[in-house]
Amino acid sequence: MSAQRETAALAGLALAVVVAPALMPDYGLVLGFGLFIAAGLALSWNLVGGITGQFALGHALYVGVGAYVVALGTTLAQPLPLAVAVALAMVVSATLAAASAAAFLRMRAAYFSVATMGLALAAMAWVVTSPALGATAGITLPGDLPVDDRRLFWAAGGLALLTLALTAWIVRTPYGLSLMAVRDDEQAAAECGVNPLLLKCSAMALSGALAGGFGALIALQKQMVEPMSAFSMGWTINMIMMCVIGGLGSVWGPLLGAVLVYGTQQALDELAVWNLLVTALVLIAVIRLAPGGLVELGPRLLARLRRRAPRPASTAAASSAPSPSTSPTQPQGQP
């Protein structure tokens, strides 16, 4: 998609986010909030797992950290303003993500993935055994916070659009090209003067900050945090599924994957077994039939239809007519 079309699409989505609350019921705002959270988290993971090529399994850590930072900031004797608490959650998550990247990114392939997952599980275990953080009971946020479904809808939609716009901008910059070069061949990129470790750390920090911001919004919407849900591996699994189904490493793929997966989950919400089964079947079908994800499925279908479309009779006749520069074949031995 060209830059002009992407800008127009982003502007249209921004307008829809602004106008939608006036046209939607309260339950629609809740569903929209959930969709924005799902899409935003998938887009944030895509910065690391798709564009940079680092298959991280620990992004639930940043969601949980963001949620707990906001919970602690709003329950102090002198509570922090909400905007400051959310910003602090993003800074803390980014710092933790950069530190974990510096520690783990020298590991290769599955070792890096397992290390990030282990860190997330260790953080959950620490919170569960920490009385200062509420242990298994968690922390309940004050009931007088200036938040409602409409404001949360706008906040989540704005952050999701920011993540989408940031992704679209990054892939067109030298920074994004360097990230993709490291993903494709780290040694060759390093020989060209690129610092792979610095690039990976910066991408992880950015991704962690965005995931922490979404975690903060989740805490504000639920009005409480507890470790088993805040640090659940389900967050990471959903991020990866949405990216793979939509198109790993693409700009719009995670958004398409989020719409399909989240929509399926909500449609089959009362049928937990069918929910998982249908989602798994969709994932298998996409991997088998469209390895590039939904973002590549449309162009492939259009190209196939164009090849099968019958040509006009005049075009077919013109293509079958002999060229003027060629002469008829003459029998051998005749002048």
C-alpha atoms as a PDB file:
ATOM      1  CA  MET A   1       0.000   0.000   0.000  1.00  0.00           C
ATOM      2  CA  SER A   2       1.340   3.427  -0.935  1.00  0.00           C
ATOM      3  CA  ALA A   3       2.073   6.063   1.680  1.00  0.00           C
ATOM      4  CA  GLN A   4      -0.817   8.226   0.467  1.00  0.00           C
ATOM      5  CA  ARG A   5      -3.309   5.368   0.780  1.00  0.00           C
ATOM      6  CA  GLU A   6      -2.010   4.442   4.221  1.00  0.00           C
ATOM      7  CA  THR A   7      -2.357   8.054   5.364  1.00  0.00           C
ATOM      8  CA  ALA A   8      -5.916   8.188   4.037  1.00  0.00           C
ATOM      9  CA  ALA A   9      -6.787   4.887   5.705  1.00  0.00           C
ATOM     10  CA  LEU A  10      -5.348   6.039   9.029  1.00  0.00           C
ATOM     11  CA  ALA A  11      -7.263   9.312   8.797  1.00  0.00           C
ATOM     12  CA  GLY A  12     -10.479   7.399   8.103  1.00  0.00           C
ATOM     13  CA  LEU A  13      -9.902   5.108  11.077  1.00  0.00           C
ATOM     14  CA  ALA A  14      -9.141   8.077  13.324  1.00  0.00           C
ATOM     15  CA  LEU A  15     -12.393   9.749  12.282  1.00  0.00           C
ATOM     16  CA  ALA A  16     -14.291   6.527  12.966  1.00  0.00           C
ATOM     17  CA  VAL A  17     -12.775   6.260  16.454  1.00  0.00           C
ATOM     18  CA  VAL A  18     -13.790   9.827  17.261  1.00  0.00           C
ATOM     19  CA  VAL A  19     -17.350   9.541  15.934  1.00  0.00           C
ATOM     20  CA  ALA A  20     -18.218   5.936  16.872  1.00  0.00           C
ATOM     21  CA  PRO A  21     -19.067   6.494  20.588  1.00  0.00           C
ATOM     22  CA  ALA A  22     -21.927   8.784  19.605  1.00  0.00           C
ATOM     23  CA  LEU A  23     -23.469   5.986  17.509  1.00  0.00           C
ATOM     24  CA  MET A  24     -22.760   2.926  19.664  1.00  0.00           C
ATOM     25  CA  PRO A  25     -24.449   1.512  22.780  1.00  0.00           C
ATOM     26  CA  ASP A  26     -22.470   1.038  25.976  1.00  0.00           C
ATOM     27  CA  TYR A  27     -21.821  -2.628  25.269  1.00  0.00           C
ATOM     28  CA  GLY A  28     -20.521  -1.699  21.831  1.00  0.00           C
ATOM     29  CA  LEU A  29     -17.996   0.606  23.486  1.00  0.00           C
ATOM     30  CA  VAL A  30     -16.799  -2.277  25.657  1.00  0.00           C
ATOM     31  CA  LEU A  31     -16.404  -4.537  22.610  1.00  0.00           C
ATOM     32  CA  GLY A  32     -14.625  -1.766  20.721  1.00  0.00           C
ATOM     33  CA  PHE A  33     -12.255  -1.264  23.638  1.00  0.00           C
ATOM     34  CA  GLY A  34     -11.420  -4.969  23.623  1.00  0.00           C
ATOM     35  CA  LEU A  35     -10.790  -4.928  19.878  1.00  0.00           C
ATOM     36  CA  PHE A  36      -8.439  -1.952  20.166  1.00  0.00           C
ATOM     37  CA  ILE A  37      -6.536  -3.658  22.980  1.00  0.00           C
ATOM     38  CA  ALA A  38      -6.208  -6.870  20.967  1.00  0.00           C
ATOM     39  CA  ALA A  39      -5.118  -5.067  17.789  1.00  0.00           C
ATOM     40  CA  GLY A  40      -2.722  -2.766  19.634  1.00  0.00           C
ATOM     41  CA  LEU A  41      -1.025  -5.608  21.476  1.00  0.00           C
ATOM     42  CA  ALA A  42      -0.667  -7.598  18.244  1.00  0.00           C
ATOM     43  CA  LEU A  43       0.844  -4.565  16.504  1.00  0.00           C
ATOM     44  CA  SER A  44       3.249  -3.974  19.393  1.00  0.00           C
ATOM     45  CA  TRP A  45       4.448  -7.608  19.309  1.00  0.00           C
ATOM     46  CA  ASN A  46       4.793  -7.417  15.523  1.00  0.00           C
ATOM     47  CA  LEU A  47       7.499  -4.762  15.929  1.00  0.00           C
ATOM     48  CA  VAL A  48       9.684  -7.383  17.601  1.00  0.00           C
ATOM     49  CA  GLY A  49       8.400 -10.715  16.321  1.00  0.00           C
ATOM     50  CA  GLY A  50       7.604  -9.702  12.732  1.00  0.00           C
ATOM     51  CA  ILE A  51       9.697  -6.721  11.669  1.00  0.00           C
ATOM     52  CA  THR A  52      12.781  -7.460  13.794  1.00  0.00           C
ATOM     53  CA  GLY A  53      12.420 -11.239  13.632  1.00  0.00           C
ATOM     54  CA  GLN A  54      12.844 -11.926  17.362  1.00  0.00           C
ATOM     55  CA  PHE A  55      10.220 -14.479  18.421  1.00  0.00           C
ATOM     56  CA  ALA A  56       9.608 -13.178  21.936  1.00  0.00           C
ATOM     57  CA  LEU A  57       7.257 -15.082  24.239  1.00  0.00           C
ATOM     58  CA  GLY A  58       7.359 -12.716  27.207  1.00  0.00           C
ATOM     59  CA  HIS A  59       5.173  -9.785  26.230  1.00  0.00           C
ATOM     60  CA  ALA A  60       2.667 -10.699  28.924  1.00  0.00           C
ATOM     61  CA  LEU A  61       5.316  -9.341  31.297  1.00  0.00           C
ATOM     62  CA  TYR A  62       4.953  -5.810  29.912  1.00  0.00           C
ATOM     63  CA  VAL A  63       1.162  -5.999  29.970  1.00  0.00           C
ATOM     64  CA  GLY A  64       1.282  -6.996  33.633  1.00  0.00           C
ATOM     65  CA  VAL A  65       3.891  -4.408  34.562  1.00  0.00           C
ATOM     66  CA  GLY A  66       1.869  -1.654  32.916  1.00  0.00           C
ATOM     67  CA  ALA A  67      -1.259  -2.754  34.781  1.00  0.00           C
ATOM     68  CA  TYR A  68       0.478  -2.897  38.160  1.00  0.00           C
ATOM     69  CA  VAL A  69       2.264   0.444  37.751  1.00  0.00           C
ATOM     70  CA  VAL A  70      -1.078   2.167  37.124  1.00  0.00           C
ATOM     71  CA  ALA A  71      -2.671   0.310  40.033  1.00  0.00           C
ATOM     72  CA  LEU A  72       0.097   1.381  42.400  1.00  0.00           C
ATOM     73  CA  GLY A  73       0.173   4.938  41.064  1.00  0.00           C
ATOM     74  CA  THR A  74      -3.556   5.455  41.595  1.00  0.00           C
ATOM     75  CA  THR A  75      -3.625   3.947  45.093  1.00  0.00           C
ATOM     76  CA  LEU A  76      -0.873   6.077  46.633  1.00  0.00           C
ATOM     77  CA  ALA A  77      -1.637   8.466  49.488  1.00  0.00           C
ATOM     78  CA  GLN A  78      -1.158  11.191  46.879  1.00  0.00           C
ATOM     79  CA  PRO A  79      -2.412   9.502  43.699  1.00  0.00           C
ATOM     80  CA  LEU A  80      -0.718  10.273  40.410  1.00  0.00           C
ATOM     81  CA  PRO A  81      -2.753  11.878  37.634  1.00  0.00           C
ATOM     82  CA  LEU A  82      -3.987   9.214  35.237  1.00  0.00           C
ATOM     83  CA  ALA A  83      -1.973  10.525  32.295  1.00  0.00           C
ATOM     84  CA  VAL A  84       1.190  10.512  34.431  1.00  0.00           C
ATOM     85  CA  ALA A  85       0.456   7.007  35.723  1.00  0.00           C
ATOM     86  CA  VAL A  86      -0.050   5.632  32.202  1.00  0.00           C
ATOM     87  CA  ALA A  87       3.100   7.384  30.938  1.00  0.00           C
ATOM     88  CA  LEU A  88       5.059   5.988  33.886  1.00  0.00           C
ATOM     89  CA  ALA A  89       3.737   2.506  33.102  1.00  0.00           C
ATOM     90  CA  MET A  90       5.034   2.823  29.536  1.00  0.00           C
ATOM     91  CA  VAL A  91       8.449   4.086  30.708  1.00  0.00           C
ATOM     92  CA  VAL A  92       8.865   1.281  33.251  1.00  0.00           C
ATOM     93  CA  SER A  93       7.803  -1.341  30.694  1.00  0.00           C
ATOM     94  CA  ALA A  94      10.183   0.081  28.091  1.00  0.00           C
ATOM     95  CA  THR A  95      13.076   0.063  30.560  1.00  0.00           C
ATOM     96  CA  LEU A  96      12.382  -3.525  31.566  1.00  0.00           C
ATOM     97  CA  ALA A  97      12.047  -4.567  27.917  1.00  0.00           C
ATOM     98  CA  ALA A  98      15.360  -2.941  26.974  1.00  0.00           C
ATOM     99  CA  ALA A  99      17.115  -4.557  29.944  1.00  0.00           C
ATOM    100  CA  SER A 100      15.737  -8.002  29.108  1.00  0.00           C
ATOM    101  CA  ALA A 101      16.732  -7.515  25.485  1.00  0.00           C
ATOM    102  CA  ALA A 102      20.301  -6.663  26.451  1.00  0.00           C
ATOM    103  CA  ALA A 103      20.413  -9.812  28.581  1.00  0.00           C
ATOM    104  CA  PHE A 104      18.727 -12.246  26.187  1.00  0.00           C
ATOM    105  CA  LEU A 105      19.183 -11.047  22.611  1.00  0.00           C
ATOM    106  CA  ARG A 106      22.592 -12.660  22.273  1.00  0.00           C
ATOM    107  CA  MET A 107      20.753 -15.950  22.572  1.00  0.00           C
ATOM    108  CA  ARG A 108      19.608 -17.590  19.374  1.00  0.00           C
ATOM    109  CA  ALA A 109      16.229 -18.853  18.180  1.00  0.00           C
ATOM    110  CA  ALA A 110      14.411 -20.984  20.741  1.00  0.00           C
ATOM    111  CA  TYR A 111      16.754 -20.027  23.581  1.00  0.00           C
ATOM    112  CA  PHE A 112      15.710 -16.387  23.313  1.00  0.00           C
ATOM    113  CA  SER A 113      12.017 -17.314  23.147  1.00  0.00           C
ATOM    114  CA  VAL A 114      12.220 -19.567  26.206  1.00  0.00           C
ATOM    115  CA  ALA A 115      14.230 -16.986  28.162  1.00  0.00           C
ATOM    116  CA  THR A 116      11.639 -14.248  27.593  1.00  0.00           C
ATOM    117  CA  MET A 117       8.827 -16.598  28.562  1.00  0.00           C
ATOM    118  CA  GLY A 118      10.717 -17.639  31.679  1.00  0.00           C
ATOM    119  CA  LEU A 119      11.150 -14.013  32.730  1.00  0.00           C
ATOM    120  CA  ALA A 120       7.404 -13.379  32.392  1.00  0.00           C
ATOM    121  CA  LEU A 121       6.574 -16.481  34.449  1.00  0.00           C
ATOM    122  CA  ALA A 122       9.138 -15.510  37.081  1.00  0.00           C
ATOM    123  CA  ALA A 123       7.607 -12.041  37.380  1.00  0.00           C
ATOM    124  CA  MET A 124       4.149 -13.540  37.843  1.00  0.00           C
ATOM    125  CA  ALA A 125       5.458 -15.879  40.549  1.00  0.00           C
ATOM    126  CA  TRP A 126       7.142 -12.958  42.346  1.00  0.00           C
ATOM    127  CA  VAL A 127       3.945 -10.889  42.340  1.00  0.00           C
ATOM    128  CA  VAL A 128       1.898 -13.872  43.567  1.00  0.00           C
ATOM    129  CA  THR A 129       4.176 -14.167  46.622  1.00  0.00           C
ATOM    130  CA  SER A 130       4.489 -10.418  47.270  1.00  0.00           C
ATOM    131  CA  PRO A 131       2.138  -9.071  49.991  1.00  0.00           C
ATOM    132  CA  ALA A 132       3.035  -5.492  49.036  1.00  0.00           C
ATOM    133  CA  LEU A 133       1.457  -6.106  45.605  1.00  0.00           C
ATOM    134  CA  GLY A 134      -1.626  -7.842  46.968  1.00  0.00           C
ATOM    135  CA  ALA A 135      -0.321 -11.363  46.314  1.00  0.00           C
ATOM    136  CA  THR A 136      -3.020 -13.503  44.697  1.00  0.00           C
ATOM    137  CA  ALA A 137      -5.785 -11.045  45.620  1.00  0.00           C
ATOM    138  CA  GLY A 138      -4.236  -8.266  43.570  1.00  0.00           C
ATOM    139  CA  ILE A 139      -4.966  -4.551  43.887  1.00  0.00           C
ATOM    140  CA  THR A 140      -8.321  -2.832  43.568  1.00  0.00           C
ATOM    141  CA  LEU A 141      -8.247   0.608  41.969  1.00  0.00           C
ATOM    142  CA  PRO A 142     -10.155   3.556  43.482  1.00  0.00           C
ATOM    143  CA  GLY A 143     -13.761   3.779  42.348  1.00  0.00           C
ATOM    144  CA  ASP A 144     -13.682   7.539  41.780  1.00  0.00           C
ATOM    145  CA  LEU A 145     -11.212   7.586  38.895  1.00  0.00           C
ATOM    146  CA  PRO A 146     -12.266   9.883  36.018  1.00  0.00           C
ATOM    147  CA  VAL A 147     -12.737   7.065  33.504  1.00  0.00           C
ATOM    148  CA  ASP A 148     -15.769   5.701  31.683  1.00  0.00           C
ATOM    149  CA  ASP A 149     -16.419   3.473  28.693  1.00  0.00           C
ATOM    150  CA  ARG A 150     -16.305   6.362  26.225  1.00  0.00           C
ATOM    151  CA  ARG A 151     -12.983   7.748  27.451  1.00  0.00           C
ATOM    152  CA  LEU A 152     -11.455   4.298  27.569  1.00  0.00           C
ATOM    153  CA  PHE A 153     -12.698   3.636  24.018  1.00  0.00           C
ATOM    154  CA  TRP A 154     -10.992   6.807  22.797  1.00  0.00           C
ATOM    155  CA  ALA A 155      -7.811   6.115  24.755  1.00  0.00           C
ATOM    156  CA  ALA A 156      -7.467   2.529  23.514  1.00  0.00           C
ATOM    157  CA  GLY A 157      -8.400   3.506  19.956  1.00  0.00           C
ATOM    158  CA  GLY A 158      -5.935   6.385  19.959  1.00  0.00           C
ATOM    159  CA  LEU A 159      -3.083   4.229  21.266  1.00  0.00           C
ATOM    160  CA  ALA A 160      -3.884   1.456  18.766  1.00  0.00           C
ATOM    161  CA  LEU A 161      -3.892   3.971  15.893  1.00  0.00           C
ATOM    162  CA  LEU A 162      -0.628   5.433  17.166  1.00  0.00           C
ATOM    163  CA  THR A 163       0.908   1.954  17.155  1.00  0.00           C
ATOM    164  CA  LEU A 164      -0.382   1.317  13.621  1.00  0.00           C
ATOM    165  CA  ALA A 165       0.875   4.680  12.345  1.00  0.00           C
ATOM    166  CA  LEU A 166       4.233   4.138  14.033  1.00  0.00           C
ATOM    167  CA  THR A 167       4.579   0.748  12.360  1.00  0.00           C
ATOM    168  CA  ALA A 168       3.690   2.191   8.950  1.00  0.00           C
ATOM    169  CA  TRP A 169       6.266   4.949   9.425  1.00  0.00           C
ATOM    170  CA  ILE A 170       9.030   2.679  10.735  1.00  0.00           C
ATOM    171  CA  VAL A 171       8.979   0.273   7.769  1.00  0.00           C
ATOM    172  CA  ARG A 172       9.619   3.201   5.395  1.00  0.00           C
ATOM    173  CA  THR A 173      12.544   4.683   7.329  1.00  0.00           C
ATOM    174  CA  PRO A 174      16.245   3.693   7.340  1.00  0.00           C
ATOM    175  CA  TYR A 175      15.706   2.507  10.904  1.00  0.00           C
ATOM    176  CA  GLY A 176      13.000   0.085   9.797  1.00  0.00           C
ATOM    177  CA  LEU A 177      15.063  -1.106   6.843  1.00  0.00           C
ATOM    178  CA  SER A 178      17.932  -1.786   9.253  1.00  0.00           C
ATOM    179  CA  LEU A 179      15.610  -3.805  11.496  1.00  0.00           C
ATOM    180  CA  MET A 180      14.482  -5.908   8.540  1.00  0.00           C
ATOM    181  CA  ALA A 181      18.074  -6.328   7.388  1.00  0.00           C
ATOM    182  CA  VAL A 182      18.986  -7.697  10.818  1.00  0.00           C
ATOM    183  CA  ARG A 183      15.971 -10.010  10.629  1.00  0.00           C
ATOM    184  CA  ASP A 184      16.960 -11.364   7.198  1.00  0.00           C
ATOM    185  CA  ASP A 185      20.717 -11.735   7.800  1.00  0.00           C
ATOM    186  CA  GLU A 186      22.191 -10.400  11.029  1.00  0.00           C
ATOM    187  CA  GLN A 187      25.805 -11.104  10.080  1.00  0.00           C
ATOM    188  CA  ALA A 188      25.524  -9.369   6.719  1.00  0.00           C
ATOM    189  CA  ALA A 189      23.816  -6.385   8.342  1.00  0.00           C
ATOM    190  CA  ALA A 190      26.591  -6.120  10.926  1.00  0.00           C
ATOM    191  CA  GLU A 191      29.217  -6.175   8.173  1.00  0.00           C
ATOM    192  CA  CYS A 192      27.429  -3.216   6.575  1.00  0.00           C
ATOM    193  CA  GLY A 193      27.865  -1.134   9.726  1.00  0.00           C
ATOM    194  CA  VAL A 194      24.576  -1.880  11.500  1.00  0.00           C
ATOM    195  CA  ASN A 195      24.612  -2.534  15.260  1.00  0.00           C
ATOM    196  CA  PRO A 196      22.212  -5.489  15.643  1.00  0.00           C
ATOM    197  CA  LEU A 197      22.148  -5.463  19.455  1.00  0.00           C
ATOM    198  CA  LEU A 198      21.325  -1.755  19.645  1.00  0.00           C
ATOM    199  CA  LEU A 199      18.574  -2.101  17.045  1.00  0.00           C
ATOM    200  CA  LYS A 200      17.011  -5.088  18.782  1.00  0.00           C
ATOM    201  CA  CYS A 201      17.110  -3.363  22.176  1.00  0.00           C
ATOM    202  CA  SER A 202      15.453  -0.240  20.774  1.00  0.00           C
ATOM    203  CA  ALA A 203      12.739  -2.272  19.038  1.00  0.00           C
ATOM    204  CA  MET A 204      12.112  -4.272  22.208  1.00  0.00           C
ATOM    205  CA  ALA A 205      11.916  -1.094  24.293  1.00  0.00           C
ATOM    206  CA  LEU A 206       9.409   0.480  21.909  1.00  0.00           C
ATOM    207  CA  SER A 207       7.326  -2.682  21.786  1.00  0.00           C
ATOM    208  CA  GLY A 208       7.429  -3.042  25.571  1.00  0.00           C
ATOM    209  CA  ALA A 209       6.368   0.576  26.091  1.00  0.00           C
ATOM    210  CA  LEU A 210       3.323   0.135  23.865  1.00  0.00           C
ATOM    211  CA  ALA A 211       2.362  -3.172  25.510  1.00  0.00           C
ATOM    212  CA  GLY A 212       2.717  -1.520  28.924  1.00  0.00           C
ATOM    213  CA  GLY A 213       0.418   1.301  27.824  1.00  0.00           C
ATOM    214  CA  PHE A 214      -2.256  -1.185  26.794  1.00  0.00           C
ATOM    215  CA  GLY A 215      -1.791  -3.042  30.086  1.00  0.00           C
ATOM    216  CA  ALA A 216      -2.413   0.219  31.945  1.00  0.00           C
ATOM    217  CA  LEU A 217      -5.657   0.773  30.040  1.00  0.00           C
ATOM    218  CA  ILE A 218      -6.759  -2.787  30.807  1.00  0.00           C
ATOM    219  CA  ALA A 219      -6.259  -2.121  34.531  1.00  0.00           C
ATOM    220  CA  LEU A 220      -8.296   1.083  34.329  1.00  0.00           C
ATOM    221  CA  GLN A 221     -11.112  -0.706  32.526  1.00  0.00           C
ATOM    222  CA  LYS A 222     -11.249  -3.660  34.932  1.00  0.00           C
ATOM    223  CA  GLN A 223     -10.745  -1.444  38.013  1.00  0.00           C
ATOM    224  CA  MET A 224      -8.464  -4.092  39.527  1.00  0.00           C
ATOM    225  CA  VAL A 225      -5.375  -6.145  38.757  1.00  0.00           C
ATOM    226  CA  GLU A 226      -4.357  -9.615  39.881  1.00  0.00           C
ATOM    227  CA  PRO A 227      -1.288 -11.577  38.783  1.00  0.00           C
ATOM    228  CA  MET A 228      -2.857 -14.619  37.126  1.00  0.00           C
ATOM    229  CA  SER A 229      -4.691 -12.521  34.536  1.00  0.00           C
ATOM    230  CA  ALA A 230      -2.290  -9.565  34.284  1.00  0.00           C
ATOM    231  CA  PHE A 231       0.697 -11.811  33.461  1.00  0.00           C
ATOM    232  CA  SER A 232      -1.292 -14.524  31.667  1.00  0.00           C
ATOM    233  CA  MET A 233       0.446 -16.216  28.744  1.00  0.00           C
ATOM    234  CA  GLY A 234      -2.869 -15.894  26.944  1.00  0.00           C
ATOM    235  CA  TRP A 235      -1.935 -12.307  26.075  1.00  0.00           C
ATOM    236  CA  THR A 236       1.208 -13.435  24.270  1.00  0.00           C
ATOM    237  CA  ILE A 237      -0.502 -16.357  22.538  1.00  0.00           C
ATOM    238  CA  ASN A 238      -3.235 -14.088  21.182  1.00  0.00           C
ATOM    239  CA  MET A 239      -0.689 -11.541  19.948  1.00  0.00           C
ATOM    240  CA  ILE A 240       1.196 -14.210  18.019  1.00  0.00           C
ATOM    241  CA  MET A 241      -1.951 -15.817  16.571  1.00  0.00           C
ATOM    242  CA  MET A 242      -3.269 -12.470  15.350  1.00  0.00           C
ATOM    243  CA  CYS A 243       0.044 -11.580  13.714  1.00  0.00           C
ATOM    244  CA  VAL A 244       0.425 -14.964  12.010  1.00  0.00           C
ATOM    245  CA  ILE A 245      -3.175 -15.047  10.786  1.00  0.00           C
ATOM    246  CA  GLY A 246      -3.110 -11.437   9.597  1.00  0.00           C
ATOM    247  CA  GLY A 247       0.394 -11.391   8.153  1.00  0.00           C
ATOM    248  CA  LEU A 248       3.582 -11.574  10.204  1.00  0.00           C
ATOM    249  CA  GLY A 249       5.865  -8.589   9.659  1.00  0.00           C
ATOM    250  CA  SER A 250       3.310  -6.577   7.663  1.00  0.00           C
ATOM    251  CA  VAL A 251       1.813  -3.231   8.654  1.00  0.00           C
ATOM    252  CA  TRP A 252      -1.899  -4.045   8.409  1.00  0.00           C
ATOM    253  CA  GLY A 253      -1.763  -7.803   8.984  1.00  0.00           C
ATOM    254  CA  PRO A 254      -1.962  -7.751  12.811  1.00  0.00           C
ATOM    255  CA  LEU A 255      -5.003  -5.483  12.608  1.00  0.00           C
ATOM    256  CA  LEU A 256      -6.776  -7.871  10.225  1.00  0.00           C
ATOM    257  CA  GLY A 257      -5.817 -10.833  12.382  1.00  0.00           C
ATOM    258  CA  ALA A 258      -7.120  -9.072  15.503  1.00  0.00           C
ATOM    259  CA  VAL A 259     -10.472  -8.363  13.851  1.00  0.00           C
ATOM    260  CA  LEU A 260     -10.863 -12.020  12.833  1.00  0.00           C
ATOM    261  CA  VAL A 261      -9.615 -13.644  16.046  1.00  0.00           C
ATOM    262  CA  TYR A 262     -11.299 -11.227  18.455  1.00  0.00           C
ATOM    263  CA  GLY A 263     -14.517 -11.330  16.446  1.00  0.00           C
ATOM    264  CA  THR A 264     -14.505 -15.135  16.512  1.00  0.00           C
ATOM    265  CA  GLN A 265     -13.807 -15.204  20.238  1.00  0.00           C
ATOM    266  CA  GLN A 266     -16.681 -12.829  20.969  1.00  0.00           C
ATOM    267  CA  ALA A 267     -19.114 -14.614  18.641  1.00  0.00           C
ATOM    268  CA  LEU A 268     -18.385 -17.945  20.363  1.00  0.00           C
ATOM    269  CA  ASP A 269     -17.881 -16.496  23.839  1.00  0.00           C
ATOM    270  CA  GLU A 270     -20.420 -18.835  25.441  1.00  0.00           C
ATOM    271  CA  LEU A 271     -18.944 -21.899  23.743  1.00  0.00           C
ATOM    272  CA  ALA A 272     -15.423 -22.065  25.119  1.00  0.00           C
ATOM    273  CA  VAL A 273     -14.496 -25.361  23.425  1.00  0.00           C
ATOM    274  CA  TRP A 274     -15.803 -24.268  20.013  1.00  0.00           C
ATOM    275  CA  ASN A 275     -14.072 -20.927  20.478  1.00  0.00           C
ATOM    276  CA  LEU A 276     -10.647 -22.563  20.755  1.00  0.00           C
ATOM    277  CA  LEU A 277     -11.410 -25.112  18.039  1.00  0.00           C
ATOM    278  CA  VAL A 278     -12.530 -22.541  15.452  1.00  0.00           C
ATOM    279  CA  THR A 279      -9.589 -20.258  16.206  1.00  0.00           C
ATOM    280  CA  ALA A 280      -7.173 -23.187  15.851  1.00  0.00           C
ATOM    281  CA  LEU A 281      -8.756 -24.275  12.563  1.00  0.00           C
ATOM    282  CA  VAL A 282      -8.513 -20.736  11.180  1.00  0.00           C
ATOM    283  CA  LEU A 283      -4.841 -20.588  12.173  1.00  0.00           C
ATOM    284  CA  ILE A 284      -4.105 -23.943  10.498  1.00  0.00           C
ATOM    285  CA  ALA A 285      -6.017 -22.970   7.346  1.00  0.00           C
ATOM    286  CA  VAL A 286      -4.160 -19.677   7.000  1.00  0.00           C
ATOM    287  CA  ILE A 287      -0.765 -21.318   7.521  1.00  0.00           C
ATOM    288  CA  ARG A 288      -1.639 -23.992   4.936  1.00  0.00           C
ATOM    289  CA  LEU A 289      -3.384 -21.887   2.284  1.00  0.00           C
ATOM    290  CA  ALA A 290      -1.952 -18.402   2.795  1.00  0.00           C
ATOM    291  CA  PRO A 291       1.422 -18.516   4.590  1.00  0.00           C
ATOM    292  CA  GLY A 292       1.716 -14.745   4.179  1.00  0.00           C
ATOM    293  CA  GLY A 293      -1.507 -14.187   6.122  1.00  0.00           C
ATOM    294  CA  LEU A 294      -4.766 -12.451   5.300  1.00  0.00           C
ATOM    295  CA  VAL A 295      -2.938  -9.350   4.123  1.00  0.00           C
ATOM    296  CA  GLU A 296      -1.634 -11.313   1.116  1.00  0.00           C
ATOM    297  CA  LEU A 297      -4.753 -13.372   0.508  1.00  0.00           C
ATOM    298  CA  GLY A 298      -6.697 -10.561  -1.195  1.00  0.00           C
ATOM    299  CA  PRO A 299      -4.033  -9.705  -3.808  1.00  0.00           C
ATOM    300  CA  ARG A 300      -3.505 -13.414  -4.536  1.00  0.00           C
ATOM    301  CA  LEU A 301      -7.212 -13.983  -5.151  1.00  0.00           C
ATOM    302  CA  LEU A 302      -7.432 -10.911  -7.406  1.00  0.00           C
ATOM    303  CA  ALA A 303      -4.436 -12.069  -9.434  1.00  0.00           C
ATOM    304  CA  ARG A 304      -5.963 -15.543  -9.842  1.00  0.00           C
ATOM    305  CA  LEU A 305      -9.291 -14.079 -10.960  1.00  0.00           C
ATOM    306  CA  ARG A 306      -7.554 -11.871 -13.507  1.00  0.00           C
ATOM    307  CA  ARG A 307      -5.724 -14.861 -14.963  1.00  0.00           C
ATOM    308  CA  ARG A 308      -8.961 -16.824 -15.287  1.00  0.00           C
ATOM    309  CA  ALA A 309     -11.035 -13.956 -16.671  1.00  0.00           C
ATOM    310  CA  PRO A 310     -11.841 -14.454 -20.416  1.00  0.00           C
ATOM    311  CA  ARG A 311     -10.138 -12.007 -22.753  1.00  0.00           C
ATOM    312  CA  PRO A 312     -12.165  -9.939 -25.220  1.00  0.00           C
ATOM    313  CA  ALA A 313     -12.464 -11.490 -28.713  1.00  0.00           C
ATOM    314  CA  SER A 314     -10.623  -8.586 -30.358  1.00  0.00           C
ATOM    315  CA  THR A 315      -7.679  -8.959 -27.951  1.00  0.00           C
ATOM    316  CA  ALA A 316      -7.519 -12.715 -28.501  1.00  0.00           C
ATOM    317  CA  ALA A 317      -7.601 -12.290 -32.290  1.00  0.00           C
ATOM    318  CA  ALA A 318      -4.903  -9.638 -32.215  1.00  0.00           C
ATOM    319  CA  SER A 319      -2.639 -11.807 -30.088  1.00  0.00           C
ATOM    320  CA  SER A 320      -3.095 -14.809 -32.412  1.00  0.00           C
ATOM    321  CA  ALA A 321      -2.505 -12.877 -35.671  1.00  0.00           C
ATOM    322  CA  PRO A 322       0.992 -13.264 -37.216  1.00  0.00           C
ATOM    323  CA  SER A 323       3.388 -10.369 -36.891  1.00  0.00           C
ATOM    324  CA  PRO A 324       3.900  -8.288 -40.079  1.00  0.00           C
ATOM    325  CA  SER A 325       7.655  -8.825 -39.849  1.00  0.00           C
ATOM    326  CA  THR A 326       7.317 -12.601 -40.134  1.00  0.00           C
ATOM    327  CA  SER A 327       6.818 -14.272 -43.483  1.00  0.00           C
ATOM    328  CA  PRO A 328       4.878 -17.508 -44.065  1.00  0.00           C
ATOM    329  CA  THR A 329       6.932 -20.658 -43.942  1.00  0.00           C
ATOM    330  CA  GLN A 330       7.862 -21.781 -47.436  1.00  0.00           C
ATOM    331  CA  PRO A 331       8.307 -25.408 -48.508  1.00  0.00           C
ATOM    332  CA  GLN A 332      11.940 -26.543 -48.488  1.00  0.00           C
ATOM    333  CA  GLY A 333      13.687 -26.268 -51.850  1.00  0.00           C
ATOM    334  CA  GLN A 334      11.417 -23.550 -53.313  1.00  0.00           C
ATOM    335  CA  PRO A 335      12.599 -19.919 -53.818  1.00  0.00           C
END
